[in-house]
Amino acid sequence: MAGLTSKQRAFLKSMAHGLKPVVHIGKEGVTDDTVRAVGEVLHTRELIKLKVLETAPAETREIADELETSVAGSSVVQVIGRTIVLYRPDPEEPQIRLP
């Protein structure tokens, strides 16, 4: 997916504000299982929050970049502290209409 515009990013940030993290990344870091789990969650929800635990082996930004690369079609919306917001539109029926 091509990068998000600043307007789209702002729109998605506002939608993500009330979300709770659905995936936690700990001492194992980004594994194949993590990538698979994130992909499955993004299949049902287009916008998710992930929490990077203190025990994670890399910085939050590095983990966000790795997930964006590993999870096909996903885009990092934002990284704040130890929280990552990821977006991937459903290829058949997008639920979120970007501005």
N, C-alpha and C. Protein backbone atom coordinates (compact mmCIF):
# COMPACT_ATOMS: atom_id res chain seq x y z
N MET A 1 0.84 -1.18 0.00
CA MET A 1 0.00 0.00 0.00
C MET A 1 0.88 1.24 0.00
N ALA A 2 0.49 2.21 -0.76
CA ALA A 2 1.24 3.47 -0.77
C ALA A 2 1.07 4.16 0.58
N GLY A 3 1.98 5.05 0.89
CA GLY A 3 1.93 5.75 2.16
C GLY A 3 0.65 6.55 2.34
N LEU A 4 0.30 6.77 3.59
CA LEU A 4 -0.88 7.54 3.91
C LEU A 4 -0.57 9.03 3.85
N THR A 5 -1.55 9.81 3.44
CA THR A 5 -1.37 11.26 3.46
C THR A 5 -1.53 11.75 4.90
N SER A 6 -1.11 12.97 5.18
CA SER A 6 -1.22 13.49 6.54
C SER A 6 -2.69 13.60 6.95
N LYS A 7 -3.57 13.91 6.02
CA LYS A 7 -5.00 14.00 6.31
C LYS A 7 -5.56 12.62 6.67
N GLN A 8 -5.18 11.60 5.92
CA GLN A 8 -5.63 10.23 6.20
C GLN A 8 -5.07 9.76 7.55
N ARG A 9 -3.81 10.07 7.80
CA ARG A 9 -3.16 9.68 9.05
C ARG A 9 -3.89 10.32 10.25
N ALA A 10 -4.23 11.60 10.13
CA ALA A 10 -4.95 12.31 11.20
C ALA A 10 -6.33 11.69 11.43
N PHE A 11 -7.01 11.34 10.34
CA PHE A 11 -8.32 10.71 10.41
C PHE A 11 -8.23 9.37 11.17
N LEU A 12 -7.23 8.56 10.80
CA LEU A 12 -7.06 7.25 11.44
C LEU A 12 -6.63 7.38 12.90
N LYS A 13 -5.79 8.38 13.21
CA LYS A 13 -5.39 8.61 14.60
C LYS A 13 -6.61 8.91 15.47
N SER A 14 -7.52 9.72 14.95
CA SER A 14 -8.71 10.05 15.72
C SER A 14 -9.59 8.82 15.93
N MET A 15 -9.66 7.94 14.94
CA MET A 15 -10.44 6.70 15.09
C MET A 15 -9.79 5.75 16.08
N ALA A 16 -8.46 5.74 16.12
CA ALA A 16 -7.73 4.81 16.97
C ALA A 16 -7.68 5.23 18.43
N HIS A 17 -8.00 6.49 18.69
CA HIS A 17 -7.86 7.03 20.04
C HIS A 17 -8.50 6.16 21.12
N GLY A 18 -9.70 5.68 20.89
CA GLY A 18 -10.41 4.90 21.90
C GLY A 18 -10.14 3.41 21.88
N LEU A 19 -9.32 2.94 20.96
CA LEU A 19 -9.04 1.51 20.85
C LEU A 19 -8.13 1.01 21.97
N LYS A 20 -8.32 -0.24 22.35
CA LYS A 20 -7.43 -0.90 23.30
C LYS A 20 -6.45 -1.76 22.51
N PRO A 21 -5.21 -1.93 23.01
CA PRO A 21 -4.26 -2.80 22.31
C PRO A 21 -4.78 -4.24 22.24
N VAL A 22 -4.70 -4.84 21.06
CA VAL A 22 -5.17 -6.22 20.87
C VAL A 22 -4.02 -7.21 20.72
N VAL A 23 -2.82 -6.72 20.49
CA VAL A 23 -1.64 -7.57 20.39
C VAL A 23 -0.55 -6.95 21.25
N HIS A 24 0.13 -7.82 22.01
CA HIS A 24 1.25 -7.37 22.85
C HIS A 24 2.53 -8.02 22.34
N ILE A 25 3.58 -7.23 22.21
CA ILE A 25 4.86 -7.75 21.73
C ILE A 25 5.84 -7.70 22.89
N GLY A 26 6.34 -8.88 23.26
CA GLY A 26 7.22 -8.98 24.42
C GLY A 26 8.64 -9.37 24.07
N LYS A 27 9.24 -10.17 24.93
CA LYS A 27 10.67 -10.49 24.82
C LYS A 27 11.04 -11.25 23.55
N GLU A 28 10.07 -11.91 22.93
CA GLU A 28 10.36 -12.62 21.68
C GLU A 28 10.49 -11.68 20.49
N GLY A 29 9.94 -10.46 20.63
CA GLY A 29 9.98 -9.51 19.53
C GLY A 29 8.98 -9.88 18.45
N VAL A 30 9.29 -9.53 17.22
CA VAL A 30 8.39 -9.82 16.10
C VAL A 30 8.76 -11.19 15.54
N THR A 31 7.91 -12.17 15.81
CA THR A 31 8.12 -13.53 15.33
C THR A 31 7.14 -13.81 14.18
N ASP A 32 7.28 -14.97 13.56
CA ASP A 32 6.33 -15.38 12.52
C ASP A 32 4.92 -15.45 13.09
N ASP A 33 4.81 -15.96 14.33
CA ASP A 33 3.50 -16.04 14.98
C ASP A 33 2.90 -14.66 15.21
N THR A 34 3.75 -13.70 15.59
CA THR A 34 3.27 -12.33 15.80
C THR A 34 2.76 -11.75 14.49
N VAL A 35 3.52 -11.93 13.42
CA VAL A 35 3.12 -11.42 12.10
C VAL A 35 1.80 -12.05 11.68
N ARG A 36 1.67 -13.36 11.89
CA ARG A 36 0.45 -14.08 11.53
C ARG A 36 -0.74 -13.55 12.35
N ALA A 37 -0.53 -13.37 13.65
CA ALA A 37 -1.60 -12.88 14.53
C ALA A 37 -2.04 -11.48 14.12
N VAL A 38 -1.09 -10.61 13.85
CA VAL A 38 -1.41 -9.23 13.45
C VAL A 38 -2.17 -9.25 12.12
N GLY A 39 -1.73 -10.08 11.18
CA GLY A 39 -2.42 -10.20 9.90
C GLY A 39 -3.86 -10.67 10.06
N GLU A 40 -4.08 -11.64 10.97
CA GLU A 40 -5.43 -12.16 11.21
C GLU A 40 -6.32 -11.09 11.84
N VAL A 41 -5.78 -10.36 12.81
CA VAL A 41 -6.57 -9.31 13.46
C VAL A 41 -6.90 -8.21 12.45
N LEU A 42 -5.94 -7.85 11.60
CA LEU A 42 -6.18 -6.82 10.59
C LEU A 42 -7.19 -7.29 9.53
N HIS A 43 -7.38 -8.60 9.42
CA HIS A 43 -8.37 -9.12 8.48
C HIS A 43 -9.78 -8.82 8.98
N THR A 44 -9.97 -8.84 10.32
CA THR A 44 -11.29 -8.57 10.88
C THR A 44 -11.48 -7.11 11.25
N ARG A 45 -10.39 -6.44 11.66
CA ARG A 45 -10.44 -5.02 11.99
C ARG A 45 -9.37 -4.34 11.16
N GLU A 46 -9.68 -3.26 10.54
CA GLU A 46 -8.71 -2.61 9.68
C GLU A 46 -7.73 -1.72 10.44
N LEU A 47 -8.09 -1.36 11.65
CA LEU A 47 -7.28 -0.45 12.45
C LEU A 47 -7.08 -1.06 13.83
N ILE A 48 -5.81 -1.26 14.22
CA ILE A 48 -5.54 -1.88 15.52
C ILE A 48 -4.42 -1.16 16.26
N LYS A 49 -4.43 -1.38 17.58
CA LYS A 49 -3.35 -0.88 18.43
C LYS A 49 -2.57 -2.09 18.93
N LEU A 50 -1.25 -1.92 19.01
CA LEU A 50 -0.37 -2.95 19.56
C LEU A 50 0.42 -2.32 20.69
N LYS A 51 0.75 -3.11 21.69
CA LYS A 51 1.53 -2.63 22.82
C LYS A 51 2.87 -3.35 22.80
N VAL A 52 3.94 -2.57 22.90
CA VAL A 52 5.29 -3.13 22.97
C VAL A 52 5.69 -3.12 24.44
N LEU A 53 5.94 -4.30 24.98
CA LEU A 53 6.28 -4.42 26.39
C LEU A 53 7.73 -4.02 26.65
N GLU A 54 8.03 -3.71 27.91
CA GLU A 54 9.39 -3.31 28.31
C GLU A 54 10.44 -4.35 27.93
N THR A 55 10.02 -5.63 27.90
CA THR A 55 10.96 -6.72 27.64
C THR A 55 11.28 -6.91 26.17
N ALA A 56 10.64 -6.16 25.30
CA ALA A 56 10.86 -6.30 23.85
C ALA A 56 12.33 -6.01 23.52
N PRO A 57 12.88 -6.77 22.56
CA PRO A 57 14.31 -6.66 22.24
C PRO A 57 14.68 -5.45 21.37
N ALA A 58 13.69 -4.69 20.90
CA ALA A 58 13.99 -3.56 20.02
C ALA A 58 13.15 -2.36 20.43
N GLU A 59 13.49 -1.21 19.87
CA GLU A 59 12.72 0.01 20.12
C GLU A 59 11.36 -0.10 19.42
N THR A 60 10.40 0.62 19.94
CA THR A 60 9.04 0.57 19.40
C THR A 60 9.00 0.95 17.93
N ARG A 61 9.74 2.00 17.53
CA ARG A 61 9.75 2.43 16.13
C ARG A 61 10.29 1.33 15.22
N GLU A 62 11.35 0.64 15.67
CA GLU A 62 11.92 -0.46 14.87
C GLU A 62 10.91 -1.58 14.70
N ILE A 63 10.20 -1.90 15.78
CA ILE A 63 9.18 -2.96 15.72
C ILE A 63 8.05 -2.55 14.78
N ALA A 64 7.64 -1.28 14.85
CA ALA A 64 6.59 -0.78 13.95
C ALA A 64 7.01 -0.92 12.50
N ASP A 65 8.25 -0.53 12.20
CA ASP A 65 8.75 -0.63 10.82
C ASP A 65 8.82 -2.08 10.36
N GLU A 66 9.24 -2.96 11.27
CA GLU A 66 9.33 -4.39 10.94
C GLU A 66 7.95 -4.97 10.66
N LEU A 67 6.96 -4.58 11.45
CA LEU A 67 5.59 -5.07 11.23
C LEU A 67 5.03 -4.53 9.92
N GLU A 68 5.29 -3.27 9.63
CA GLU A 68 4.79 -2.67 8.39
C GLU A 68 5.35 -3.41 7.18
N THR A 69 6.61 -3.82 7.27
CA THR A 69 7.25 -4.56 6.19
C THR A 69 6.74 -6.01 6.12
N SER A 70 6.55 -6.63 7.29
CA SER A 70 6.20 -8.05 7.35
C SER A 70 4.73 -8.35 7.11
N VAL A 71 3.85 -7.45 7.52
CA VAL A 71 2.41 -7.67 7.36
C VAL A 71 1.99 -6.98 6.07
N ALA A 72 1.75 -7.78 5.05
CA ALA A 72 1.47 -7.26 3.70
C ALA A 72 0.33 -6.25 3.70
N GLY A 73 0.57 -5.11 3.06
CA GLY A 73 -0.46 -4.10 2.89
C GLY A 73 -0.72 -3.20 4.08
N SER A 74 0.04 -3.38 5.15
CA SER A 74 -0.23 -2.58 6.35
C SER A 74 0.58 -1.28 6.34
N SER A 75 0.08 -0.31 7.07
CA SER A 75 0.75 0.99 7.21
C SER A 75 0.76 1.38 8.68
N VAL A 76 1.89 1.90 9.14
CA VAL A 76 1.97 2.43 10.49
C VAL A 76 1.30 3.79 10.48
N VAL A 77 0.29 3.95 11.33
CA VAL A 77 -0.41 5.23 11.44
C VAL A 77 0.35 6.13 12.41
N GLN A 78 0.74 5.55 13.56
CA GLN A 78 1.50 6.33 14.53
C GLN A 78 2.18 5.42 15.54
N VAL A 79 3.20 5.98 16.15
CA VAL A 79 3.91 5.33 17.25
C VAL A 79 3.98 6.37 18.37
N ILE A 80 3.38 6.03 19.51
CA ILE A 80 3.42 6.92 20.67
C ILE A 80 3.88 6.09 21.85
N GLY A 81 5.01 6.47 22.42
CA GLY A 81 5.54 5.70 23.55
C GLY A 81 5.78 4.27 23.14
N ARG A 82 5.08 3.34 23.79
CA ARG A 82 5.20 1.92 23.48
C ARG A 82 3.98 1.39 22.76
N THR A 83 3.21 2.28 22.15
CA THR A 83 1.99 1.89 21.43
C THR A 83 2.15 2.16 19.94
N ILE A 84 1.71 1.17 19.15
CA ILE A 84 1.75 1.27 17.69
C ILE A 84 0.32 1.17 17.18
N VAL A 85 -0.02 2.01 16.20
CA VAL A 85 -1.31 1.91 15.53
C VAL A 85 -1.03 1.49 14.09
N LEU A 86 -1.65 0.37 13.68
CA LEU A 86 -1.47 -0.16 12.33
C LEU A 86 -2.80 -0.13 11.59
N TYR A 87 -2.74 0.10 10.29
CA TYR A 87 -3.93 0.14 9.44
C TYR A 87 -3.68 -0.70 8.20
N ARG A 88 -4.69 -1.48 7.84
CA ARG A 88 -4.66 -2.20 6.56
C ARG A 88 -6.10 -2.34 6.07
N PRO A 89 -6.41 -1.72 4.94
CA PRO A 89 -7.79 -1.83 4.44
C PRO A 89 -8.10 -3.24 3.97
N ASP A 90 -9.34 -3.64 4.16
CA ASP A 90 -9.81 -4.93 3.64
C ASP A 90 -9.84 -4.81 2.13
N PRO A 91 -9.18 -5.73 1.40
CA PRO A 91 -9.11 -5.60 -0.06
C PRO A 91 -10.47 -5.73 -0.75
N GLU A 92 -11.40 -6.50 -0.17
CA GLU A 92 -12.70 -6.69 -0.81
C GLU A 92 -13.74 -5.68 -0.35
N GLU A 93 -13.85 -5.49 0.96
CA GLU A 93 -14.87 -4.59 1.50
C GLU A 93 -14.28 -3.69 2.58
N PRO A 94 -13.63 -2.60 2.20
CA PRO A 94 -13.07 -1.70 3.23
C PRO A 94 -14.18 -1.13 4.12
N GLN A 95 -13.99 -1.23 5.43
CA GLN A 95 -14.94 -0.68 6.39
C GLN A 95 -14.69 0.80 6.62
N ILE A 96 -13.42 1.18 6.58
CA ILE A 96 -13.04 2.57 6.85
C ILE A 96 -12.85 3.29 5.53
N ARG A 97 -13.56 4.37 5.36
CA ARG A 97 -13.43 5.19 4.14
C ARG A 97 -12.49 6.35 4.45
N LEU A 98 -11.33 6.33 3.84
CA LEU A 98 -10.34 7.39 4.09
C LEU A 98 -10.72 8.66 3.34
N PRO A 99 -10.41 9.81 3.95
CA PRO A 99 -10.69 11.09 3.27
C PRO A 99 -9.73 11.28 2.08
